[in-house]
Amino acid sequence: MSNQADDNNLDVLIHRRALCTTVVAESRTGAPEALFATLDGLGFQRQEHAIYVWHVLPDDLDPAEISRTCRRAGSTLLAAGYKTEVDERLIEQPQ
């Protein structure tokens, strides 16, 4: 299993998981707790398995809320100094 944040030299990569509707925030391997806490505070739900930690948005969010959350996450993470990329298709959803 590949970590796309590591593969793209990012602290966080926010995108829709392939072949489903889940929005995931992948953090780099060894990311600090402060990064995880920031994602928690932005409305992402922390998931952990063995050494992996990632975040997902709740499945019941409507497209406008997904867009707002992803836009806010991108801005907040960049302002905090994290190298972040958000899939534009998530931000361009209806407001």
PDB file of N, CA and C in Angstrom:
ATOM      1  N   MET A   1       0.849  -1.183   0.000  1.00  0.00           N
ATOM      2  CA  MET A   1       0.000   0.000   0.000  1.00  0.00           C
ATOM      3  C   MET A   1       0.887   1.236   0.000  1.00  0.00           C
ATOM      4  N   SER A   2       0.661   2.109  -0.951  1.00  0.00           N
ATOM      5  CA  SER A   2       1.481   3.302  -1.116  1.00  0.00           C
ATOM      6  C   SER A   2       0.853   4.493  -0.396  1.00  0.00           C
ATOM      7  N   ASN A   3       1.688   5.320   0.198  1.00  0.00           N
ATOM      8  CA  ASN A   3       1.237   6.555   0.812  1.00  0.00           C
ATOM      9  C   ASN A   3       1.447   7.665  -0.211  1.00  0.00           C
ATOM     10  N   GLN A   4       0.360   8.226  -0.717  1.00  0.00           N
ATOM     11  CA  GLN A   4       0.465   9.218  -1.775  1.00  0.00           C
ATOM     12  C   GLN A   4       1.086  10.530  -1.300  1.00  0.00           C
ATOM     13  N   ALA A   5       0.952  10.856  -0.025  1.00  0.00           N
ATOM     14  CA  ALA A   5       1.614  12.060   0.491  1.00  0.00           C
ATOM     15  C   ALA A   5       3.130  11.876   0.410  1.00  0.00           C
ATOM     16  N   ASP A   6       3.618  10.710   0.826  1.00  0.00           N
ATOM     17  CA  ASP A   6       5.048  10.421   0.721  1.00  0.00           C
ATOM     18  C   ASP A   6       5.485  10.422  -0.740  1.00  0.00           C
ATOM     19  N   ASP A   7       4.707   9.760  -1.595  1.00  0.00           N
ATOM     20  CA  ASP A   7       5.052   9.646  -3.015  1.00  0.00           C
ATOM     21  C   ASP A   7       5.157  11.004  -3.703  1.00  0.00           C
ATOM     22  N   ASN A   8       4.378  11.995  -3.218  1.00  0.00           N
ATOM     23  CA  ASN A   8       4.357  13.322  -3.830  1.00  0.00           C
ATOM     24  C   ASN A   8       5.108  14.380  -3.023  1.00  0.00           C
ATOM     25  N   ASN A   9       5.887  13.932  -2.023  1.00  0.00           N
ATOM     26  CA  ASN A   9       6.685  14.830  -1.191  1.00  0.00           C
ATOM     27  C   ASN A   9       5.831  15.927  -0.543  1.00  0.00           C
ATOM     28  N   LEU A  10       4.705  15.512   0.048  1.00  0.00           N
ATOM     29  CA  LEU A  10       3.782  16.424   0.700  1.00  0.00           C
ATOM     30  C   LEU A  10       3.617  16.047   2.169  1.00  0.00           C
ATOM     31  N   ASP A  11       3.188  17.022   2.974  1.00  0.00           N
ATOM     32  CA  ASP A  11       2.794  16.715   4.343  1.00  0.00           C
ATOM     33  C   ASP A  11       1.380  16.135   4.358  1.00  0.00           C
ATOM     34  N   VAL A  12       0.501  16.691   3.498  1.00  0.00           N
ATOM     35  CA  VAL A  12      -0.890  16.240   3.422  1.00  0.00           C
ATOM     36  C   VAL A  12      -1.371  16.292   1.977  1.00  0.00           C
ATOM     37  N   LEU A  13      -2.065  15.259   1.565  1.00  0.00           N
ATOM     38  CA  LEU A  13      -2.725  15.217   0.263  1.00  0.00           C
ATOM     39  C   LEU A  13      -4.189  14.889   0.510  1.00  0.00           C
ATOM     40  N   ILE A  14      -5.073  15.810   0.093  1.00  0.00           N
ATOM     41  CA  ILE A  14      -6.510  15.617   0.272  1.00  0.00           C
ATOM     42  C   ILE A  14      -7.111  15.306  -1.091  1.00  0.00           C
ATOM     43  N   HIS A  15      -7.781  14.166  -1.166  1.00  0.00           N
ATOM     44  CA  HIS A  15      -8.333  13.717  -2.449  1.00  0.00           C
ATOM     45  C   HIS A  15      -9.470  12.744  -2.201  1.00  0.00           C
ATOM     46  N   ARG A  16     -10.174  12.406  -3.285  1.00  0.00           N
ATOM     47  CA  ARG A  16     -11.218  11.389  -3.199  1.00  0.00           C
ATOM     48  C   ARG A  16     -10.568  10.044  -3.472  1.00  0.00           C
ATOM     49  N   ARG A  17     -10.820   9.082  -2.635  1.00  0.00           N
ATOM     50  CA  ARG A  17     -10.263   7.744  -2.795  1.00  0.00           C
ATOM     51  C   ARG A  17     -10.781   7.132  -4.106  1.00  0.00           C
ATOM     52  N   ALA A  18      -9.925   6.436  -4.808  1.00  0.00           N
ATOM     53  CA  ALA A  18     -10.273   5.855  -6.104  1.00  0.00           C
ATOM     54  C   ALA A  18     -11.471   4.901  -5.979  1.00  0.00           C
ATOM     55  N   LEU A  19     -12.351   5.004  -6.945  1.00  0.00           N
ATOM     56  CA  LEU A  19     -13.496   4.103  -7.088  1.00  0.00           C
ATOM     57  C   LEU A  19     -14.505   4.166  -5.948  1.00  0.00           C
ATOM     58  N   CYS A  20     -14.526   5.280  -5.207  1.00  0.00           N
ATOM     59  CA  CYS A  20     -15.550   5.464  -4.175  1.00  0.00           C
ATOM     60  C   CYS A  20     -15.742   6.960  -3.928  1.00  0.00           C
ATOM     61  N   THR A  21     -16.586   7.300  -2.981  1.00  0.00           N
ATOM     62  CA  THR A  21     -16.875   8.709  -2.713  1.00  0.00           C
ATOM     63  C   THR A  21     -16.152   9.250  -1.483  1.00  0.00           C
ATOM     64  N   THR A  22     -15.360   8.430  -0.819  1.00  0.00           N
ATOM     65  CA  THR A  22     -14.684   8.842   0.416  1.00  0.00           C
ATOM     66  C   THR A  22     -13.612   9.889   0.141  1.00  0.00           C
ATOM     67  N   VAL A  23     -13.658  10.987   0.901  1.00  0.00           N
ATOM     68  CA  VAL A  23     -12.624  12.021   0.833  1.00  0.00           C
ATOM     69  C   VAL A  23     -11.625  11.719   1.943  1.00  0.00           C
ATOM     70  N   VAL A  24     -10.362  11.588   1.561  1.00  0.00           N
ATOM     71  CA  VAL A  24      -9.316  11.194   2.493  1.00  0.00           C
ATOM     72  C   VAL A  24      -8.218  12.253   2.534  1.00  0.00           C
ATOM     73  N   ALA A  25      -7.673  12.465   3.727  1.00  0.00           N
ATOM     74  CA  ALA A  25      -6.499  13.316   3.908  1.00  0.00           C
ATOM     75  C   ALA A  25      -5.357  12.388   4.309  1.00  0.00           C
ATOM     76  N   GLU A  26      -4.451  12.162   3.380  1.00  0.00           N
ATOM     77  CA  GLU A  26      -3.295  11.303   3.662  1.00  0.00           C
ATOM     78  C   GLU A  26      -2.159  12.179   4.164  1.00  0.00           C
ATOM     79  N   SER A  27      -1.589  11.802   5.305  1.00  0.00           N
ATOM     80  CA  SER A  27      -0.451  12.528   5.866  1.00  0.00           C
ATOM     81  C   SER A  27       0.816  11.730   5.615  1.00  0.00           C
ATOM     82  N   ARG A  28       1.918  12.447   5.578  1.00  0.00           N
ATOM     83  CA  ARG A  28       3.201  11.781   5.350  1.00  0.00           C
ATOM     84  C   ARG A  28       3.528  10.851   6.516  1.00  0.00           C
ATOM     85  N   THR A  29       4.343   9.874   6.241  1.00  0.00           N
ATOM     86  CA  THR A  29       4.801   8.953   7.273  1.00  0.00           C
ATOM     87  C   THR A  29       5.577   9.735   8.335  1.00  0.00           C
ATOM     88  N   GLY A  30       5.261   9.501   9.578  1.00  0.00           N
ATOM     89  CA  GLY A  30       5.949  10.189  10.665  1.00  0.00           C
ATOM     90  C   GLY A  30       5.475  11.605  10.904  1.00  0.00           C
ATOM     91  N   ALA A  31       4.301  11.955  10.395  1.00  0.00           N
ATOM     92  CA  ALA A  31       3.779  13.314  10.583  1.00  0.00           C
ATOM     93  C   ALA A  31       3.586  13.589  12.076  1.00  0.00           C
ATOM     94  N   PRO A  32       3.732  14.852  12.479  1.00  0.00           N
ATOM     95  CA  PRO A  32       3.600  15.191  13.898  1.00  0.00           C
ATOM     96  C   PRO A  32       2.146  15.168  14.363  1.00  0.00           C
ATOM     97  N   GLU A  33       1.971  14.959  15.638  1.00  0.00           N
ATOM     98  CA  GLU A  33       0.639  14.961  16.246  1.00  0.00           C
ATOM     99  C   GLU A  33      -0.082  16.282  15.976  1.00  0.00           C
ATOM    100  N   ALA A  34       0.655  17.380  15.922  1.00  0.00           N
ATOM    101  CA  ALA A  34       0.034  18.682  15.672  1.00  0.00           C
ATOM    102  C   ALA A  34      -0.696  18.701  14.326  1.00  0.00           C
ATOM    103  N   LEU A  35      -0.147  18.044  13.325  1.00  0.00           N
ATOM    104  CA  LEU A  35      -0.810  17.956  12.029  1.00  0.00           C
ATOM    105  C   LEU A  35      -2.093  17.145  12.151  1.00  0.00           C
ATOM    106  N   PHE A  36      -2.032  16.013  12.845  1.00  0.00           N
ATOM    107  CA  PHE A  36      -3.227  15.190  13.043  1.00  0.00           C
ATOM    108  C   PHE A  36      -4.301  15.976  13.790  1.00  0.00           C
ATOM    109  N   ALA A  37      -3.896  16.707  14.813  1.00  0.00           N
ATOM    110  CA  ALA A  37      -4.846  17.486  15.612  1.00  0.00           C
ATOM    111  C   ALA A  37      -5.493  18.583  14.773  1.00  0.00           C
ATOM    112  N   THR A  38      -4.720  19.183  13.867  1.00  0.00           N
ATOM    113  CA  THR A  38      -5.279  20.206  12.982  1.00  0.00           C
ATOM    114  C   THR A  38      -6.353  19.603  12.086  1.00  0.00           C
ATOM    115  N   LEU A  39      -6.067  18.453  11.499  1.00  0.00           N
ATOM    116  CA  LEU A  39      -7.065  17.779  10.659  1.00  0.00           C
ATOM    117  C   LEU A  39      -8.297  17.382  11.474  1.00  0.00           C
ATOM    118  N   ASP A  40      -8.086  16.914  12.696  1.00  0.00           N
ATOM    119  CA  ASP A  40      -9.213  16.584  13.584  1.00  0.00           C
ATOM    120  C   ASP A  40     -10.102  17.818  13.765  1.00  0.00           C
ATOM    121  N   GLY A  41      -9.475  18.957  14.039  1.00  0.00           N
ATOM    122  CA  GLY A  41     -10.202  20.188  14.292  1.00  0.00           C
ATOM    123  C   GLY A  41     -10.921  20.746  13.070  1.00  0.00           C
ATOM    124  N   LEU A  42     -10.498  20.337  11.896  1.00  0.00           N
ATOM    125  CA  LEU A  42     -11.126  20.791  10.660  1.00  0.00           C
ATOM    126  C   LEU A  42     -12.322  19.930  10.249  1.00  0.00           C
ATOM    127  N   GLY A  43     -12.609  18.895  11.019  1.00  0.00           N
ATOM    128  CA  GLY A  43     -13.770  18.065  10.733  1.00  0.00           C
ATOM    129  C   GLY A  43     -13.463  16.722  10.106  1.00  0.00           C
ATOM    130  N   PHE A  44     -12.179  16.427   9.909  1.00  0.00           N
ATOM    131  CA  PHE A  44     -11.792  15.120   9.394  1.00  0.00           C
ATOM    132  C   PHE A  44     -11.769  14.135  10.563  1.00  0.00           C
ATOM    133  N   GLN A  45     -12.090  12.889  10.288  1.00  0.00           N
ATOM    134  CA  GLN A  45     -12.109  11.859  11.317  1.00  0.00           C
ATOM    135  C   GLN A  45     -10.856  11.004  11.209  1.00  0.00           C
ATOM    136  N   ARG A  46     -10.123  10.902  12.318  1.00  0.00           N
ATOM    137  CA  ARG A  46      -8.863  10.162  12.335  1.00  0.00           C
ATOM    138  C   ARG A  46      -9.100   8.659  12.251  1.00  0.00           C
ATOM    139  N   GLN A  47      -8.299   8.016  11.420  1.00  0.00           N
ATOM    140  CA  GLN A  47      -8.319   6.565  11.261  1.00  0.00           C
ATOM    141  C   GLN A  47      -6.894   6.069  11.512  1.00  0.00           C
ATOM    142  N   GLU A  48      -6.758   4.960  12.191  1.00  0.00           N
ATOM    143  CA  GLU A  48      -5.428   4.423  12.474  1.00  0.00           C
ATOM    144  C   GLU A  48      -5.433   2.914  12.308  1.00  0.00           C
ATOM    145  N   HIS A  49      -4.352   2.426  11.759  1.00  0.00           N
ATOM    146  CA  HIS A  49      -4.157   0.986  11.639  1.00  0.00           C
ATOM    147  C   HIS A  49      -2.657   0.722  11.643  1.00  0.00           C
ATOM    148  N   ALA A  50      -2.207  -0.032  12.609  1.00  0.00           N
ATOM    149  CA  ALA A  50      -0.776  -0.331  12.758  1.00  0.00           C
ATOM    150  C   ALA A  50      -0.001   0.979  12.807  1.00  0.00           C
ATOM    151  N   ILE A  51       0.899   1.203  11.870  1.00  0.00           N
ATOM    152  CA  ILE A  51       1.721   2.427  11.870  1.00  0.00           C
ATOM    153  C   ILE A  51       1.123   3.536  11.017  1.00  0.00           C
ATOM    154  N   TYR A  52      -0.021   3.298  10.378  1.00  0.00           N
ATOM    155  CA  TYR A  52      -0.616   4.271   9.467  1.00  0.00           C
ATOM    156  C   TYR A  52      -1.674   5.112  10.162  1.00  0.00           C
ATOM    157  N   VAL A  53      -1.678   6.409   9.844  1.00  0.00           N
ATOM    158  CA  VAL A  53      -2.702   7.332  10.324  1.00  0.00           C
ATOM    159  C   VAL A  53      -3.175   8.133   9.116  1.00  0.00           C
ATOM    160  N   TRP A  54      -4.488   8.226   8.951  1.00  0.00           N
ATOM    161  CA  TRP A  54      -5.061   9.028   7.880  1.00  0.00           C
ATOM    162  C   TRP A  54      -6.378   9.583   8.400  1.00  0.00           C
ATOM    163  N   HIS A  55      -6.971  10.483   7.657  1.00  0.00           N
ATOM    164  CA  HIS A  55      -8.228  11.108   8.051  1.00  0.00           C
ATOM    165  C   HIS A  55      -9.225  11.007   6.896  1.00  0.00           C
ATOM    166  N   VAL A  56     -10.497  10.925   7.233  1.00  0.00           N
ATOM    167  CA  VAL A  56     -11.556  10.921   6.222  1.00  0.00           C
ATOM    168  C   VAL A  56     -12.626  11.926   6.634  1.00  0.00           C
ATOM    169  N   LEU A  57     -13.349  12.416   5.639  1.00  0.00           N
ATOM    170  CA  LEU A  57     -14.522  13.232   5.935  1.00  0.00           C
ATOM    171  C   LEU A  57     -15.716  12.310   6.140  1.00  0.00           C
ATOM    172  N   PRO A  58     -16.646  12.700   6.999  1.00  0.00           N
ATOM    173  CA  PRO A  58     -17.856  11.890   7.180  1.00  0.00           C
ATOM    174  C   PRO A  58     -18.570  11.695   5.840  1.00  0.00           C
ATOM    175  N   ASP A  59     -19.113  10.516   5.633  1.00  0.00           N
ATOM    176  CA  ASP A  59     -19.774  10.192   4.365  1.00  0.00           C
ATOM    177  C   ASP A  59     -21.071  10.952   4.132  1.00  0.00           C
ATOM    178  N   ASP A  60     -21.654  11.517   5.176  1.00  0.00           N
ATOM    179  CA  ASP A  60     -22.949  12.169   5.020  1.00  0.00           C
ATOM    180  C   ASP A  60     -22.864  13.658   4.674  1.00  0.00           C
ATOM    181  N   LEU A  61     -21.671  14.185   4.402  1.00  0.00           N
ATOM    182  CA  LEU A  61     -21.550  15.592   4.035  1.00  0.00           C
ATOM    183  C   LEU A  61     -22.035  15.807   2.608  1.00  0.00           C
ATOM    184  N   ASP A  62     -22.734  16.920   2.384  1.00  0.00           N
ATOM    185  CA  ASP A  62     -23.164  17.226   1.023  1.00  0.00           C
ATOM    186  C   ASP A  62     -22.002  17.866   0.262  1.00  0.00           C
ATOM    187  N   PRO A  63     -22.097  17.930  -1.072  1.00  0.00           N
ATOM    188  CA  PRO A  63     -20.987  18.453  -1.884  1.00  0.00           C
ATOM    189  C   PRO A  63     -20.531  19.855  -1.491  1.00  0.00           C
ATOM    190  N   ALA A  64     -21.471  20.713  -1.120  1.00  0.00           N
ATOM    191  CA  ALA A  64     -21.094  22.072  -0.736  1.00  0.00           C
ATOM    192  C   ALA A  64     -20.259  22.066   0.546  1.00  0.00           C
ATOM    193  N   GLU A  65     -20.624  21.232   1.497  1.00  0.00           N
ATOM    194  CA  GLU A  65     -19.863  21.155   2.750  1.00  0.00           C
ATOM    195  C   GLU A  65     -18.487  20.520   2.526  1.00  0.00           C
ATOM    196  N   ILE A  66     -18.414  19.541   1.646  1.00  0.00           N
ATOM    197  CA  ILE A  66     -17.121  18.961   1.286  1.00  0.00           C
ATOM    198  C   ILE A  66     -16.220  20.039   0.706  1.00  0.00           C
ATOM    199  N   SER A  67     -16.763  20.831  -0.201  1.00  0.00           N
ATOM    200  CA  SER A  67     -15.996  21.907  -0.830  1.00  0.00           C
ATOM    201  C   SER A  67     -15.495  22.908   0.209  1.00  0.00           C
ATOM    202  N   ARG A  68     -16.392  23.364   1.091  1.00  0.00           N
ATOM    203  CA  ARG A  68     -15.998  24.330   2.133  1.00  0.00           C
ATOM    204  C   ARG A  68     -14.931  23.749   3.061  1.00  0.00           C
ATOM    205  N   THR A  69     -15.117  22.512   3.471  1.00  0.00           N
ATOM    206  CA  THR A  69     -14.173  21.876   4.394  1.00  0.00           C
ATOM    207  C   THR A  69     -12.802  21.708   3.740  1.00  0.00           C
ATOM    208  N   CYS A  70     -12.780  21.268   2.499  1.00  0.00           N
ATOM    209  CA  CYS A  70     -11.500  21.072   1.805  1.00  0.00           C
ATOM    210  C   CYS A  70     -10.798  22.402   1.544  1.00  0.00           C
ATOM    211  N   ARG A  71     -11.556  23.427   1.198  1.00  0.00           N
ATOM    212  CA  ARG A  71     -10.967  24.751   0.973  1.00  0.00           C
ATOM    213  C   ARG A  71     -10.364  25.279   2.280  1.00  0.00           C
ATOM    214  N   ARG A  72     -11.128  25.165   3.360  1.00  0.00           N
ATOM    215  CA  ARG A  72     -10.657  25.629   4.673  1.00  0.00           C
ATOM    216  C   ARG A  72      -9.441  24.824   5.124  1.00  0.00           C
ATOM    217  N   ALA A  73      -9.464  23.524   4.900  1.00  0.00           N
ATOM    218  CA  ALA A  73      -8.331  22.672   5.289  1.00  0.00           C
ATOM    219  C   ALA A  73      -7.073  23.075   4.528  1.00  0.00           C
ATOM    220  N   GLY A  74      -7.200  23.260   3.224  1.00  0.00           N
ATOM    221  CA  GLY A  74      -6.041  23.656   2.430  1.00  0.00           C
ATOM    222  C   GLY A  74      -5.439  24.960   2.920  1.00  0.00           C
ATOM    223  N   SER A  75      -6.277  25.955   3.144  1.00  0.00           N
ATOM    224  CA  SER A  75      -5.801  27.268   3.612  1.00  0.00           C
ATOM    225  C   SER A  75      -5.169  27.181   4.999  1.00  0.00           C
ATOM    226  N   THR A  76      -5.828  26.482   5.902  1.00  0.00           N
ATOM    227  CA  THR A  76      -5.334  26.362   7.276  1.00  0.00           C
ATOM    228  C   THR A  76      -4.000  25.634   7.328  1.00  0.00           C
ATOM    229  N   LEU A  77      -3.903  24.524   6.605  1.00  0.00           N
ATOM    230  CA  LEU A  77      -2.666  23.737   6.613  1.00  0.00           C
ATOM    231  C   LEU A  77      -1.508  24.498   5.974  1.00  0.00           C
ATOM    232  N   LEU A  78      -1.772  25.189   4.867  1.00  0.00           N
ATOM    233  CA  LEU A  78      -0.720  25.995   4.227  1.00  0.00           C
ATOM    234  C   LEU A  78      -0.256  27.113   5.157  1.00  0.00           C
ATOM    235  N   ALA A  79      -1.209  27.775   5.816  1.00  0.00           N
ATOM    236  CA  ALA A  79      -0.860  28.863   6.739  1.00  0.00           C
ATOM    237  C   ALA A  79      -0.029  28.350   7.921  1.00  0.00           C
ATOM    238  N   ALA A  80      -0.248  27.086   8.301  1.00  0.00           N
ATOM    239  CA  ALA A  80       0.508  26.489   9.403  1.00  0.00           C
ATOM    240  C   ALA A  80       1.878  25.985   8.951  1.00  0.00           C
ATOM    241  N   GLY A  81       2.154  26.114   7.651  1.00  0.00           N
ATOM    242  CA  GLY A  81       3.472  25.743   7.138  1.00  0.00           C
ATOM    243  C   GLY A  81       3.585  24.325   6.615  1.00  0.00           C
ATOM    244  N   TYR A  82       2.451  23.649   6.459  1.00  0.00           N
ATOM    245  CA  TYR A  82       2.480  22.280   5.939  1.00  0.00           C
ATOM    246  C   TYR A  82       2.401  22.304   4.414  1.00  0.00           C
ATOM    247  N   LYS A  83       3.212  21.480   3.787  1.00  0.00           N
ATOM    248  CA  LYS A  83       3.179  21.329   2.336  1.00  0.00           C
ATOM    249  C   LYS A  83       1.936  20.511   2.003  1.00  0.00           C
ATOM    250  N   THR A  84       0.946  21.164   1.405  1.00  0.00           N
ATOM    251  CA  THR A  84      -0.388  20.589   1.261  1.00  0.00           C
ATOM    252  C   THR A  84      -0.886  20.707  -0.172  1.00  0.00           C
ATOM    253  N   GLU A  85      -1.598  19.684  -0.611  1.00  0.00           N
ATOM    254  CA  GLU A  85      -2.261  19.729  -1.907  1.00  0.00           C
ATOM    255  C   GLU A  85      -3.678  19.204  -1.736  1.00  0.00           C
ATOM    256  N   VAL A  86      -4.640  19.942  -2.301  1.00  0.00           N
ATOM    257  CA  VAL A  86      -6.042  19.537  -2.275  1.00  0.00           C
ATOM    258  C   VAL A  86      -6.482  19.358  -3.716  1.00  0.00           C
ATOM    259  N   ASP A  87      -7.071  18.213  -4.018  1.00  0.00           N
ATOM    260  CA  ASP A  87      -7.573  17.955  -5.364  1.00  0.00           C
ATOM    261  C   ASP A  87      -8.583  19.044  -5.729  1.00  0.00           C
ATOM    262  N   GLU A  88      -8.312  19.758  -6.809  1.00  0.00           N
ATOM    263  CA  GLU A  88      -9.165  20.869  -7.246  1.00  0.00           C
ATOM    264  C   GLU A  88     -10.612  20.443  -7.469  1.00  0.00           C
ATOM    265  N   ARG A  89     -10.833  19.205  -7.860  1.00  0.00           N
ATOM    266  CA  ARG A  89     -12.215  18.737  -8.093  1.00  0.00           C
ATOM    267  C   ARG A  89     -13.029  18.775  -6.827  1.00  0.00           C
ATOM    268  N   LEU A  90     -12.411  18.673  -5.672  1.00  0.00           N
ATOM    269  CA  LEU A  90     -13.133  18.767  -4.409  1.00  0.00           C
ATOM    270  C   LEU A  90     -13.517  20.198  -4.089  1.00  0.00           C
ATOM    271  N   ILE A  91     -12.647  21.122  -4.406  1.00  0.00           N
ATOM    272  CA  ILE A  91     -12.894  22.538  -4.125  1.00  0.00           C
ATOM    273  C   ILE A  91     -13.906  23.133  -5.096  1.00  0.00           C
ATOM    274  N   GLU A  92     -13.909  22.651  -6.322  1.00  0.00           N
ATOM    275  CA  GLU A  92     -14.781  23.209  -7.350  1.00  0.00           C
ATOM    276  C   GLU A  92     -16.221  22.737  -7.260  1.00  0.00           C
ATOM    277  N   GLN A  93     -16.550  21.920  -6.278  1.00  0.00           N
ATOM    278  CA  GLN A  93     -17.920  21.465  -6.124  1.00  0.00           C
ATOM    279  C   GLN A  93     -18.829  22.641  -5.803  1.00  0.00           C
ATOM    280  N   PRO A  94     -20.128  22.491  -5.999  1.00  0.00           N
ATOM    281  CA  PRO A  94     -21.074  23.579  -5.743  1.00  0.00           C
ATOM    282  C   PRO A  94     -20.946  24.143  -4.339  1.00  0.00           C
ATOM    283  N   GLN A  95     -21.089  25.436  -4.237  1.00  0.00           N
ATOM    284  CA  GLN A  95     -21.060  26.106  -2.940  1.00  0.00           C
ATOM    285  C   GLN A  95     -22.434  26.017  -2.343  1.00  0.00           C
TER     286      GLN A  95
END
